[in-house]
Amino acid sequence: MIASADRSRLEILLADGRRKLLGLVGAPGAGKSTVARALEQALPGRAQVVPMDGFHLAQTELRRLGRAERKGAPDTFDSAGYVALLQRLREQRPDEIVYAPEFRREIEEPVAGAIAVLPQTQLVITEGNYLLLQEGPWAGVAPLLDEAWYVEVDDALRVERLVWRHQQFGRSREEALAWVAQTDEPNARRIAATRERANRVIRIEV
């Protein structure tokens, strides 16, 4: 999963001993979470994953805003809150633990304070769809990252992964296919347009 070139690049990035933020960006189902966990395991005790998904708006707020059927679109996240967290992680004090939210798919809700980032953590790996978007508060993400890597996989496999994921959490196959076509794929096209802004592209071959 993690090529020697990627591992070497990380070691160079971390060589000065200071906190670094690495962003993993890609379309839904591309494998960002898998790559993030592999990188974390490759640097035991030195890395922590902080996903963007923890900043999903709650279902009640999405319903109030009339956006529940577009969950996953850029305006269904607290993007300003995410930028503020990244800023805190860049400036974390030696005596401070920074707590980040985590999205729990089993309840379809974010949970506050679920991820503890310790001050000695050298590498924070943050993964999500919109890290390179240049609209609204999202535009503040990229300047806070030391590097951004774009993760991609064969589109047919990515779509099938998404359908399976939606089925795992309660949708029928027909409902899952409709959600992917109407919500996930428009978002995927928007994300693909940011690919050229990444420092590196990781192609997952399965």
N, C-alpha and C. Protein backbone atom coordinates (compact mmCIF):
# COMPACT_ATOMS: atom_id res chain seq x y z
N MET A 1 0.83 -1.21 0.00
CA MET A 1 0.00 0.00 0.00
C MET A 1 0.86 1.26 0.00
N ILE A 2 1.91 1.29 0.89
CA ILE A 2 2.78 2.46 0.96
C ILE A 2 4.09 2.15 0.25
N ALA A 3 4.33 2.82 -0.85
CA ALA A 3 5.54 2.60 -1.63
C ALA A 3 6.75 3.15 -0.89
N SER A 4 7.91 2.60 -1.20
CA SER A 4 9.13 3.07 -0.54
C SER A 4 9.39 4.55 -0.84
N ALA A 5 9.00 5.00 -2.04
CA ALA A 5 9.17 6.41 -2.40
C ALA A 5 8.32 7.31 -1.51
N ASP A 6 7.09 6.84 -1.19
CA ASP A 6 6.22 7.62 -0.31
C ASP A 6 6.78 7.67 1.10
N ARG A 7 7.29 6.53 1.57
CA ARG A 7 7.88 6.48 2.90
C ARG A 7 9.11 7.40 2.98
N SER A 8 9.92 7.37 1.94
CA SER A 8 11.11 8.23 1.92
C SER A 8 10.73 9.71 1.91
N ARG A 9 9.69 10.01 1.15
CA ARG A 9 9.23 11.41 1.09
C ARG A 9 8.77 11.89 2.47
N LEU A 10 8.09 11.00 3.20
CA LEU A 10 7.64 11.35 4.54
C LEU A 10 8.82 11.58 5.48
N GLU A 11 9.82 10.72 5.39
CA GLU A 11 10.99 10.87 6.26
C GLU A 11 11.71 12.19 5.99
N ILE A 12 11.77 12.58 4.74
CA ILE A 12 12.37 13.87 4.40
C ILE A 12 11.53 15.01 4.97
N LEU A 13 10.20 14.87 4.85
CA LEU A 13 9.28 15.89 5.36
C LEU A 13 9.43 16.08 6.87
N LEU A 14 9.69 14.98 7.57
CA LEU A 14 9.75 15.01 9.03
C LEU A 14 11.16 15.20 9.57
N ALA A 15 12.12 15.36 8.69
CA ALA A 15 13.54 15.36 9.10
C ALA A 15 13.89 16.45 10.11
N ASP A 16 13.20 17.59 10.07
CA ASP A 16 13.57 18.68 10.98
C ASP A 16 12.94 18.53 12.37
N GLY A 17 12.12 17.48 12.56
CA GLY A 17 11.55 17.20 13.87
C GLY A 17 10.35 18.03 14.25
N ARG A 18 9.92 18.94 13.39
CA ARG A 18 8.77 19.79 13.70
C ARG A 18 7.46 19.18 13.21
N ARG A 19 6.36 19.57 13.81
CA ARG A 19 5.04 19.09 13.44
C ARG A 19 4.75 19.38 11.96
N LYS A 20 4.26 18.38 11.26
CA LYS A 20 3.88 18.54 9.86
C LYS A 20 2.43 18.06 9.67
N LEU A 21 1.74 18.69 8.73
CA LEU A 21 0.39 18.31 8.37
C LEU A 21 0.38 17.81 6.93
N LEU A 22 -0.04 16.57 6.76
CA LEU A 22 -0.15 15.96 5.43
C LEU A 22 -1.62 15.78 5.10
N GLY A 23 -2.05 16.29 3.95
CA GLY A 23 -3.42 16.13 3.51
C GLY A 23 -3.55 15.04 2.46
N LEU A 24 -4.53 14.17 2.62
CA LEU A 24 -4.86 13.17 1.61
C LEU A 24 -6.23 13.52 1.06
N VAL A 25 -6.29 13.76 -0.23
CA VAL A 25 -7.54 14.21 -0.86
C VAL A 25 -7.88 13.26 -1.99
N GLY A 26 -9.16 13.12 -2.27
CA GLY A 26 -9.60 12.25 -3.36
C GLY A 26 -11.10 12.12 -3.34
N ALA A 27 -11.65 11.52 -4.37
CA ALA A 27 -13.09 11.35 -4.50
C ALA A 27 -13.61 10.35 -3.47
N PRO A 28 -14.91 10.37 -3.19
CA PRO A 28 -15.48 9.36 -2.29
C PRO A 28 -15.18 7.95 -2.79
N GLY A 29 -14.71 7.09 -1.88
CA GLY A 29 -14.42 5.71 -2.25
C GLY A 29 -13.06 5.47 -2.85
N ALA A 30 -12.22 6.50 -2.93
CA ALA A 30 -10.91 6.36 -3.56
C ALA A 30 -9.91 5.57 -2.71
N GLY A 31 -10.15 5.50 -1.40
CA GLY A 31 -9.22 4.78 -0.53
C GLY A 31 -8.41 5.68 0.38
N LYS A 32 -8.86 6.91 0.59
CA LYS A 32 -8.12 7.86 1.42
C LYS A 32 -7.92 7.34 2.85
N SER A 33 -8.99 6.82 3.44
CA SER A 33 -8.89 6.33 4.82
C SER A 33 -7.91 5.17 4.93
N THR A 34 -7.91 4.30 3.94
CA THR A 34 -7.00 3.16 3.94
C THR A 34 -5.55 3.61 3.86
N VAL A 35 -5.28 4.56 2.98
CA VAL A 35 -3.92 5.10 2.85
C VAL A 35 -3.50 5.81 4.14
N ALA A 36 -4.43 6.58 4.71
CA ALA A 36 -4.13 7.30 5.95
C ALA A 36 -3.74 6.34 7.06
N ARG A 37 -4.49 5.25 7.21
CA ARG A 37 -4.18 4.28 8.26
C ARG A 37 -2.86 3.56 7.99
N ALA A 38 -2.58 3.29 6.73
CA ALA A 38 -1.31 2.65 6.38
C ALA A 38 -0.13 3.55 6.72
N LEU A 39 -0.26 4.84 6.44
CA LEU A 39 0.80 5.79 6.78
C LEU A 39 0.97 5.89 8.29
N GLU A 40 -0.14 5.91 9.00
CA GLU A 40 -0.08 5.98 10.46
C GLU A 40 0.64 4.76 11.03
N GLN A 41 0.34 3.59 10.49
CA GLN A 41 0.98 2.36 10.96
C GLN A 41 2.45 2.29 10.58
N ALA A 42 2.81 2.97 9.48
CA ALA A 42 4.22 2.99 9.06
C ALA A 42 5.07 3.89 9.96
N LEU A 43 4.41 4.75 10.74
CA LEU A 43 5.11 5.67 11.64
C LEU A 43 4.55 5.50 13.05
N PRO A 44 4.72 4.34 13.66
CA PRO A 44 4.12 4.08 14.97
C PRO A 44 4.57 5.08 16.04
N GLY A 45 3.58 5.66 16.71
CA GLY A 45 3.88 6.62 17.77
C GLY A 45 4.23 8.01 17.28
N ARG A 46 4.31 8.18 15.96
CA ARG A 46 4.72 9.48 15.41
C ARG A 46 3.62 10.17 14.62
N ALA A 47 2.56 9.43 14.26
CA ALA A 47 1.52 9.98 13.37
C ALA A 47 0.14 9.77 13.97
N GLN A 48 -0.79 10.66 13.58
CA GLN A 48 -2.18 10.58 14.01
C GLN A 48 -3.08 10.99 12.85
N VAL A 49 -4.12 10.20 12.60
CA VAL A 49 -5.08 10.53 11.55
C VAL A 49 -6.20 11.39 12.13
N VAL A 50 -6.49 12.50 11.44
CA VAL A 50 -7.58 13.40 11.82
C VAL A 50 -8.44 13.64 10.57
N PRO A 51 -9.51 12.87 10.37
CA PRO A 51 -10.31 12.99 9.15
C PRO A 51 -11.14 14.27 9.10
N MET A 52 -11.31 14.78 7.89
CA MET A 52 -12.19 15.92 7.65
C MET A 52 -13.64 15.59 7.97
N ASP A 53 -14.02 14.30 7.86
CA ASP A 53 -15.41 13.89 8.01
C ASP A 53 -15.99 14.19 9.39
N GLY A 54 -15.14 14.41 10.38
CA GLY A 54 -15.65 14.79 11.69
C GLY A 54 -16.39 16.10 11.69
N PHE A 55 -16.26 16.86 10.62
CA PHE A 55 -16.91 18.16 10.52
C PHE A 55 -18.19 18.13 9.69
N HIS A 56 -18.73 16.93 9.44
CA HIS A 56 -20.08 16.82 8.90
C HIS A 56 -21.04 17.59 9.82
N LEU A 57 -21.97 18.32 9.24
CA LEU A 57 -23.03 18.90 10.06
C LEU A 57 -23.96 17.79 10.56
N ALA A 58 -24.53 17.97 11.73
CA ALA A 58 -25.45 16.98 12.29
C ALA A 58 -26.69 16.85 11.41
N GLN A 59 -27.32 15.69 11.47
CA GLN A 59 -28.51 15.43 10.65
C GLN A 59 -29.61 16.44 10.90
N THR A 60 -29.79 16.83 12.17
CA THR A 60 -30.84 17.81 12.47
C THR A 60 -30.57 19.14 11.78
N GLU A 61 -29.30 19.53 11.73
CA GLU A 61 -28.95 20.80 11.08
C GLU A 61 -29.08 20.68 9.57
N LEU A 62 -28.71 19.54 9.01
CA LEU A 62 -28.86 19.34 7.57
C LEU A 62 -30.33 19.39 7.17
N ARG A 63 -31.19 18.81 7.99
CA ARG A 63 -32.63 18.87 7.69
C ARG A 63 -33.14 20.29 7.80
N ARG A 64 -32.69 21.03 8.81
CA ARG A 64 -33.11 22.43 8.97
C ARG A 64 -32.72 23.27 7.76
N LEU A 65 -31.52 22.99 7.24
CA LEU A 65 -31.02 23.75 6.10
C LEU A 65 -31.54 23.22 4.76
N GLY A 66 -32.24 22.08 4.77
CA GLY A 66 -32.73 21.49 3.53
C GLY A 66 -31.63 20.85 2.71
N ARG A 67 -30.58 20.34 3.37
CA ARG A 67 -29.43 19.78 2.66
C ARG A 67 -29.22 18.29 2.94
N ALA A 68 -30.13 17.66 3.65
CA ALA A 68 -29.94 16.26 4.05
C ALA A 68 -29.78 15.34 2.86
N GLU A 69 -30.44 15.64 1.75
CA GLU A 69 -30.34 14.79 0.56
C GLU A 69 -29.06 15.04 -0.23
N ARG A 70 -28.26 16.00 0.22
CA ARG A 70 -26.98 16.30 -0.44
C ARG A 70 -25.82 16.09 0.52
N LYS A 71 -26.03 15.30 1.56
CA LYS A 71 -24.99 15.09 2.57
C LYS A 71 -23.70 14.62 1.91
N GLY A 72 -22.62 15.30 2.21
CA GLY A 72 -21.34 15.01 1.59
C GLY A 72 -20.88 16.10 0.64
N ALA A 73 -21.79 17.01 0.26
CA ALA A 73 -21.43 18.15 -0.58
C ALA A 73 -20.64 19.16 0.26
N PRO A 74 -19.89 20.06 -0.36
CA PRO A 74 -19.05 20.99 0.40
C PRO A 74 -19.80 21.81 1.45
N ASP A 75 -21.06 22.18 1.17
CA ASP A 75 -21.79 23.03 2.11
C ASP A 75 -22.53 22.23 3.18
N THR A 76 -22.19 20.93 3.32
CA THR A 76 -22.79 20.13 4.40
C THR A 76 -21.76 19.83 5.49
N PHE A 77 -20.66 20.58 5.47
CA PHE A 77 -19.62 20.47 6.48
C PHE A 77 -19.41 21.83 7.16
N ASP A 78 -18.88 21.80 8.36
CA ASP A 78 -18.43 23.02 9.03
C ASP A 78 -17.00 23.28 8.59
N SER A 79 -16.86 23.83 7.40
CA SER A 79 -15.52 24.02 6.82
C SER A 79 -14.69 25.01 7.61
N ALA A 80 -15.32 26.06 8.13
CA ALA A 80 -14.58 27.04 8.93
C ALA A 80 -14.05 26.40 10.22
N GLY A 81 -14.85 25.51 10.81
CA GLY A 81 -14.41 24.81 12.00
C GLY A 81 -13.23 23.90 11.72
N TYR A 82 -13.25 23.27 10.55
CA TYR A 82 -12.14 22.40 10.15
C TYR A 82 -10.85 23.20 9.98
N VAL A 83 -10.95 24.35 9.33
CA VAL A 83 -9.78 25.21 9.16
C VAL A 83 -9.24 25.64 10.53
N ALA A 84 -10.15 25.97 11.43
CA ALA A 84 -9.72 26.40 12.77
C ALA A 84 -8.98 25.27 13.50
N LEU A 85 -9.44 24.04 13.33
CA LEU A 85 -8.75 22.91 13.95
C LEU A 85 -7.35 22.74 13.37
N LEU A 86 -7.23 22.80 12.05
CA LEU A 86 -5.91 22.67 11.42
C LEU A 86 -4.95 23.76 11.93
N GLN A 87 -5.48 24.96 12.11
CA GLN A 87 -4.65 26.06 12.63
C GLN A 87 -4.17 25.73 14.05
N ARG A 88 -5.06 25.19 14.87
CA ARG A 88 -4.68 24.78 16.23
C ARG A 88 -3.60 23.70 16.19
N LEU A 89 -3.74 22.77 15.26
CA LEU A 89 -2.77 21.68 15.16
C LEU A 89 -1.41 22.19 14.70
N ARG A 90 -1.38 23.22 13.93
CA ARG A 90 -0.10 23.82 13.50
C ARG A 90 0.57 24.54 14.67
N GLU A 91 -0.24 25.07 15.57
CA GLU A 91 0.29 25.91 16.65
C GLU A 91 0.22 25.24 18.01
N GLN A 92 0.01 23.93 18.04
CA GLN A 92 -0.20 23.20 19.29
C GLN A 92 0.95 23.41 20.27
N ARG A 93 0.59 23.75 21.50
CA ARG A 93 1.59 23.98 22.55
C ARG A 93 2.13 22.65 23.10
N PRO A 94 3.33 22.66 23.66
CA PRO A 94 3.92 21.43 24.20
C PRO A 94 3.13 20.81 25.35
N ASP A 95 2.30 21.62 26.03
CA ASP A 95 1.53 21.12 27.17
C ASP A 95 0.05 20.91 26.84
N GLU A 96 -0.29 20.88 25.53
CA GLU A 96 -1.69 20.87 25.12
C GLU A 96 -2.05 19.59 24.36
N ILE A 97 -3.23 19.06 24.66
CA ILE A 97 -3.83 18.01 23.83
C ILE A 97 -4.95 18.66 23.03
N VAL A 98 -4.92 18.45 21.73
CA VAL A 98 -5.98 18.98 20.86
C VAL A 98 -6.94 17.85 20.54
N TYR A 99 -8.22 18.09 20.80
CA TYR A 99 -9.25 17.08 20.53
C TYR A 99 -9.97 17.40 19.23
N ALA A 100 -10.16 16.36 18.42
CA ALA A 100 -10.82 16.51 17.13
C ALA A 100 -12.07 15.63 17.07
N PRO A 101 -13.07 16.01 16.27
CA PRO A 101 -14.26 15.18 16.13
C PRO A 101 -14.04 14.03 15.16
N GLU A 102 -14.89 13.03 15.27
CA GLU A 102 -14.82 11.86 14.39
C GLU A 102 -16.22 11.54 13.88
N PHE A 103 -16.34 11.20 12.59
CA PHE A 103 -17.63 10.82 12.04
C PHE A 103 -17.85 9.33 12.24
N ARG A 104 -18.98 8.95 12.81
CA ARG A 104 -19.31 7.55 13.07
C ARG A 104 -20.39 7.11 12.07
N ARG A 105 -20.02 6.29 11.14
CA ARG A 105 -20.96 5.86 10.10
C ARG A 105 -22.12 5.06 10.66
N GLU A 106 -21.89 4.34 11.76
CA GLU A 106 -22.97 3.52 12.30
C GLU A 106 -24.14 4.34 12.82
N ILE A 107 -23.88 5.62 13.16
CA ILE A 107 -24.96 6.50 13.60
C ILE A 107 -25.15 7.68 12.65
N GLU A 108 -24.29 7.77 11.63
CA GLU A 108 -24.36 8.85 10.63
C GLU A 108 -24.25 10.23 11.27
N GLU A 109 -23.43 10.34 12.31
CA GLU A 109 -23.27 11.60 13.03
C GLU A 109 -21.81 11.81 13.43
N PRO A 110 -21.37 13.07 13.54
CA PRO A 110 -20.04 13.35 14.10
C PRO A 110 -20.09 13.26 15.62
N VAL A 111 -18.97 12.88 16.22
CA VAL A 111 -18.84 12.80 17.67
C VAL A 111 -17.70 13.72 18.09
N ALA A 112 -18.00 14.70 18.91
CA ALA A 112 -16.99 15.68 19.32
C ALA A 112 -15.95 15.05 20.24
N GLY A 113 -14.72 15.55 20.15
CA GLY A 113 -13.67 15.15 21.08
C GLY A 113 -13.26 13.69 21.04
N ALA A 114 -13.48 13.03 19.92
CA ALA A 114 -13.23 11.59 19.83
C ALA A 114 -11.77 11.25 19.51
N ILE A 115 -11.01 12.20 18.99
CA ILE A 115 -9.62 11.95 18.59
C ILE A 115 -8.71 12.89 19.37
N ALA A 116 -7.76 12.31 20.10
CA ALA A 116 -6.81 13.11 20.87
C ALA A 116 -5.49 13.20 20.10
N VAL A 117 -5.06 14.41 19.82
CA VAL A 117 -3.77 14.63 19.17
C VAL A 117 -2.79 15.12 20.23
N LEU A 118 -1.78 14.31 20.50
CA LEU A 118 -0.81 14.64 21.53
C LEU A 118 0.24 15.61 20.99
N PRO A 119 0.83 16.43 21.86
CA PRO A 119 1.78 17.44 21.38
C PRO A 119 3.03 16.86 20.74
N GLN A 120 3.41 15.63 21.12
CA GLN A 120 4.63 15.04 20.56
C GLN A 120 4.40 14.39 19.19
N THR A 121 3.16 14.37 18.71
CA THR A 121 2.85 13.78 17.40
C THR A 121 3.55 14.58 16.31
N GLN A 122 4.41 13.91 15.54
CA GLN A 122 5.17 14.60 14.50
C GLN A 122 4.34 14.88 13.26
N LEU A 123 3.50 13.90 12.89
CA LEU A 123 2.76 14.00 11.63
C LEU A 123 1.27 13.86 11.89
N VAL A 124 0.52 14.87 11.48
CA VAL A 124 -0.94 14.79 11.48
C VAL A 124 -1.38 14.53 10.04
N ILE A 125 -2.07 13.41 9.85
CA ILE A 125 -2.57 13.05 8.53
C ILE A 125 -4.05 13.37 8.48
N THR A 126 -4.43 14.33 7.69
CA THR A 126 -5.83 14.68 7.58
C THR A 126 -6.32 14.29 6.19
N GLU A 127 -7.45 13.58 6.14
CA GLU A 127 -7.93 13.09 4.85
C GLU A 127 -9.37 13.50 4.63
N GLY A 128 -9.69 13.83 3.37
CA GLY A 128 -11.05 14.25 3.06
C GLY A 128 -11.18 14.66 1.61
N ASN A 129 -12.39 15.03 1.26
CA ASN A 129 -12.71 15.32 -0.14
C ASN A 129 -12.25 16.69 -0.62
N TYR A 130 -12.33 17.69 0.26
CA TYR A 130 -12.29 19.07 -0.23
C TYR A 130 -11.08 19.87 0.23
N LEU A 131 -9.98 19.18 0.50
CA LEU A 131 -8.80 19.85 1.04
C LEU A 131 -8.17 20.83 0.06
N LEU A 132 -8.43 20.64 -1.23
CA LEU A 132 -7.83 21.52 -2.25
C LEU A 132 -8.86 22.42 -2.93
N LEU A 133 -10.08 22.42 -2.40
CA LEU A 133 -11.12 23.29 -2.95
C LEU A 133 -10.76 24.75 -2.66
N GLN A 134 -11.03 25.62 -3.59
CA GLN A 134 -10.67 27.03 -3.42
C GLN A 134 -11.90 27.92 -3.33
N GLU A 135 -12.87 27.46 -2.57
CA GLU A 135 -14.12 28.20 -2.40
C GLU A 135 -14.42 28.38 -0.92
N GLY A 136 -14.84 29.58 -0.53
CA GLY A 136 -15.24 29.83 0.84
C GLY A 136 -14.15 29.46 1.83
N PRO A 137 -14.54 29.04 3.04
CA PRO A 137 -13.54 28.66 4.05
C PRO A 137 -12.63 27.52 3.61
N TRP A 138 -13.09 26.68 2.66
CA TRP A 138 -12.24 25.58 2.19
C TRP A 138 -10.91 26.09 1.65
N ALA A 139 -10.89 27.29 1.11
CA ALA A 139 -9.66 27.84 0.54
C ALA A 139 -8.57 28.01 1.60
N GLY A 140 -8.96 27.99 2.87
CA GLY A 140 -7.98 28.14 3.94
C GLY A 140 -7.29 26.85 4.33
N VAL A 141 -7.72 25.71 3.76
CA VAL A 141 -7.14 24.42 4.15
C VAL A 141 -5.74 24.24 3.57
N ALA A 142 -5.60 24.33 2.26
CA ALA A 142 -4.33 24.02 1.59
C ALA A 142 -3.14 24.80 2.15
N PRO A 143 -3.28 26.11 2.46
CA PRO A 143 -2.14 26.83 3.01
C PRO A 143 -1.65 26.31 4.36
N LEU A 144 -2.49 25.54 5.06
CA LEU A 144 -2.10 25.00 6.37
C LEU A 144 -1.45 23.62 6.26
N LEU A 145 -1.44 23.05 5.06
CA LEU A 145 -0.84 21.73 4.85
C LEU A 145 0.60 21.86 4.38
N ASP A 146 1.46 20.98 4.85
CA ASP A 146 2.84 20.96 4.35
C ASP A 146 2.90 20.28 2.99
N GLU A 147 2.05 19.26 2.80
CA GLU A 147 1.90 18.64 1.49
C GLU A 147 0.48 18.11 1.37
N ALA A 148 0.01 17.98 0.11
CA ALA A 148 -1.28 17.36 -0.17
C ALA A 148 -1.07 16.29 -1.22
N TRP A 149 -1.53 15.07 -0.93
CA TRP A 149 -1.41 13.94 -1.87
C TRP A 149 -2.80 13.56 -2.36
N TYR A 150 -2.92 13.40 -3.64
CA TYR A 150 -4.21 13.03 -4.25
C TYR A 150 -4.26 11.51 -4.41
N VAL A 151 -5.29 10.89 -3.86
CA VAL A 151 -5.45 9.44 -3.91
C VAL A 151 -6.50 9.09 -4.95
N GLU A 152 -6.16 8.17 -5.86
CA GLU A 152 -7.13 7.77 -6.88
C GLU A 152 -7.06 6.28 -7.14
N VAL A 153 -8.17 5.76 -7.67
CA VAL A 153 -8.30 4.34 -7.99
C VAL A 153 -9.20 4.24 -9.20
N ASP A 154 -9.26 3.07 -9.83
CA ASP A 154 -10.15 2.87 -10.97
C ASP A 154 -11.57 3.30 -10.60
N ASP A 155 -12.20 4.10 -11.48
CA ASP A 155 -13.51 4.66 -11.17
C ASP A 155 -14.58 3.60 -10.97
N ALA A 156 -14.57 2.54 -11.76
CA ALA A 156 -15.58 1.50 -11.62
C ALA A 156 -15.49 0.83 -10.25
N LEU A 157 -14.27 0.58 -9.80
CA LEU A 157 -14.07 -0.02 -8.49
C LEU A 157 -14.50 0.96 -7.39
N ARG A 158 -14.17 2.21 -7.56
CA ARG A 158 -14.53 3.24 -6.57
C ARG A 158 -16.06 3.32 -6.42
N VAL A 159 -16.76 3.32 -7.53
CA VAL A 159 -18.23 3.40 -7.47
C VAL A 159 -18.82 2.17 -6.80
N GLU A 160 -18.28 1.00 -7.12
CA GLU A 160 -18.80 -0.22 -6.50
C GLU A 160 -18.54 -0.22 -4.99
N ARG A 161 -17.39 0.30 -4.59
CA ARG A 161 -17.11 0.43 -3.16
C ARG A 161 -18.16 1.32 -2.48
N LEU A 162 -18.50 2.41 -3.14
CA LEU A 162 -19.48 3.33 -2.56
C LEU A 162 -20.84 2.67 -2.42
N VAL A 163 -21.26 1.95 -3.46
CA VAL A 163 -22.55 1.26 -3.42
C VAL A 163 -22.56 0.27 -2.26
N TRP A 164 -21.49 -0.51 -2.14
CA TRP A 164 -21.39 -1.49 -1.05
C TRP A 164 -21.44 -0.79 0.31
N ARG A 165 -20.72 0.34 0.44
CA ARG A 165 -20.69 1.08 1.71
C ARG A 165 -22.09 1.53 2.09
N HIS A 166 -22.83 2.09 1.15
CA HIS A 166 -24.18 2.56 1.45
C HIS A 166 -25.10 1.40 1.82
N GLN A 167 -24.91 0.27 1.18
CA GLN A 167 -25.71 -0.91 1.52
C GLN A 167 -25.40 -1.39 2.93
N GLN A 168 -24.11 -1.33 3.30
CA GLN A 168 -23.71 -1.76 4.63
C GLN A 168 -24.39 -0.95 5.72
N PHE A 169 -24.75 0.28 5.41
CA PHE A 169 -25.37 1.15 6.40
C PHE A 169 -26.85 1.40 6.12
N GLY A 170 -27.50 0.38 5.53
CA GLY A 170 -28.96 0.38 5.53
C GLY A 170 -29.70 0.64 4.24
N ARG A 171 -29.01 1.09 3.18
CA ARG A 171 -29.73 1.35 1.94
C ARG A 171 -29.84 0.07 1.10
N SER A 172 -30.91 -0.03 0.33
CA SER A 172 -31.01 -1.12 -0.64
C SER A 172 -30.03 -0.84 -1.76
N ARG A 173 -29.76 -1.83 -2.61
CA ARG A 173 -28.84 -1.61 -3.71
C ARG A 173 -29.37 -0.52 -4.63
N GLU A 174 -30.67 -0.49 -4.89
CA GLU A 174 -31.27 0.53 -5.75
C GLU A 174 -31.10 1.91 -5.14
N GLU A 175 -31.34 2.01 -3.84
CA GLU A 175 -31.17 3.29 -3.15
C GLU A 175 -29.71 3.71 -3.16
N ALA A 176 -28.80 2.76 -2.96
CA ALA A 176 -27.37 3.06 -2.96
C ALA A 176 -26.91 3.56 -4.32
N LEU A 177 -27.36 2.89 -5.39
CA LEU A 177 -27.00 3.31 -6.75
C LEU A 177 -27.50 4.73 -7.03
N ALA A 178 -28.72 5.02 -6.59
CA ALA A 178 -29.30 6.35 -6.81
C ALA A 178 -28.52 7.41 -6.05
N TRP A 179 -28.14 7.11 -4.81
CA TRP A 179 -27.39 8.08 -4.01
C TRP A 179 -26.03 8.36 -4.64
N VAL A 180 -25.36 7.31 -5.09
CA VAL A 180 -24.05 7.48 -5.73
C VAL A 180 -24.18 8.36 -6.97
N ALA A 181 -25.18 8.08 -7.79
CA ALA A 181 -25.35 8.82 -9.05
C ALA A 181 -25.72 10.29 -8.81
N GLN A 182 -26.57 10.52 -7.82
CA GLN A 182 -27.12 11.87 -7.62
C GLN A 182 -26.30 12.74 -6.66
N THR A 183 -25.53 12.09 -5.77
CA THR A 183 -24.79 12.86 -4.75
C THR A 183 -23.29 12.63 -4.82
N ASP A 184 -22.86 11.37 -4.71
CA ASP A 184 -21.42 11.09 -4.65
C ASP A 184 -20.68 11.46 -5.93
N GLU A 185 -21.24 11.13 -7.07
CA GLU A 185 -20.52 11.35 -8.32
C GLU A 185 -20.41 12.83 -8.71
N PRO A 186 -21.45 13.65 -8.52
CA PRO A 186 -21.24 15.09 -8.74
C PRO A 186 -20.13 15.65 -7.84
N ASN A 187 -20.08 15.17 -6.60
CA ASN A 187 -18.99 15.60 -5.70
C ASN A 187 -17.64 15.11 -6.21
N ALA A 188 -17.61 13.87 -6.72
CA ALA A 188 -16.36 13.30 -7.23
C ALA A 188 -15.80 14.13 -8.38
N ARG A 189 -16.68 14.59 -9.26
CA ARG A 189 -16.21 15.41 -10.39
C ARG A 189 -15.64 16.74 -9.90
N ARG A 190 -16.25 17.29 -8.88
CA ARG A 190 -15.76 18.55 -8.31
C ARG A 190 -14.38 18.35 -7.68
N ILE A 191 -14.21 17.22 -7.02
CA ILE A 191 -12.93 16.92 -6.37
C ILE A 191 -11.85 16.66 -7.42
N ALA A 192 -12.20 15.94 -8.48
CA ALA A 192 -11.22 15.63 -9.53
C ALA A 192 -10.65 16.90 -10.15
N ALA A 193 -11.43 17.95 -10.17
CA ALA A 193 -10.96 19.22 -10.74
C ALA A 193 -9.87 19.87 -9.89
N THR A 194 -9.69 19.38 -8.65
CA THR A 194 -8.64 19.95 -7.78
C THR A 194 -7.35 19.13 -7.83
N ARG A 195 -7.34 18.03 -8.58
CA ARG A 195 -6.21 17.11 -8.59
C ARG A 195 -4.88 17.78 -8.92
N GLU A 196 -4.90 18.71 -9.84
CA GLU A 196 -3.65 19.34 -10.30
C GLU A 196 -2.98 20.18 -9.21
N ARG A 197 -3.69 20.47 -8.13
CA ARG A 197 -3.11 21.28 -7.05
C ARG A 197 -2.35 20.44 -6.04
N ALA A 198 -2.42 19.11 -6.18
CA ALA A 198 -1.75 18.21 -5.23
C ALA A 198 -0.24 18.17 -5.49
N ASN A 199 0.53 17.91 -4.43
CA ASN A 199 1.98 17.76 -4.57
C ASN A 199 2.35 16.41 -5.15
N ARG A 200 1.47 15.43 -4.97
CA ARG A 200 1.78 14.06 -5.37
C ARG A 200 0.47 13.32 -5.64
N VAL A 201 0.50 12.41 -6.60
CA VAL A 201 -0.67 11.58 -6.89
C VAL A 201 -0.32 10.13 -6.55
N ILE A 202 -1.18 9.51 -5.72
CA ILE A 202 -1.01 8.11 -5.38
C ILE A 202 -2.10 7.33 -6.09
N ARG A 203 -1.70 6.46 -6.99
CA ARG A 203 -2.63 5.62 -7.74
C ARG A 203 -2.66 4.24 -7.10
N ILE A 204 -3.83 3.85 -6.60
CA ILE A 204 -3.96 2.55 -5.96
C ILE A 204 -4.34 1.53 -7.02
N GLU A 205 -3.47 0.56 -7.21
CA GLU A 205 -3.73 -0.50 -8.18
C GLU A 205 -4.23 -1.74 -7.43
N VAL A 206 -5.40 -2.23 -7.81
CA VAL A 206 -5.99 -3.38 -7.12
C VAL A 206 -6.05 -4.56 -8.05
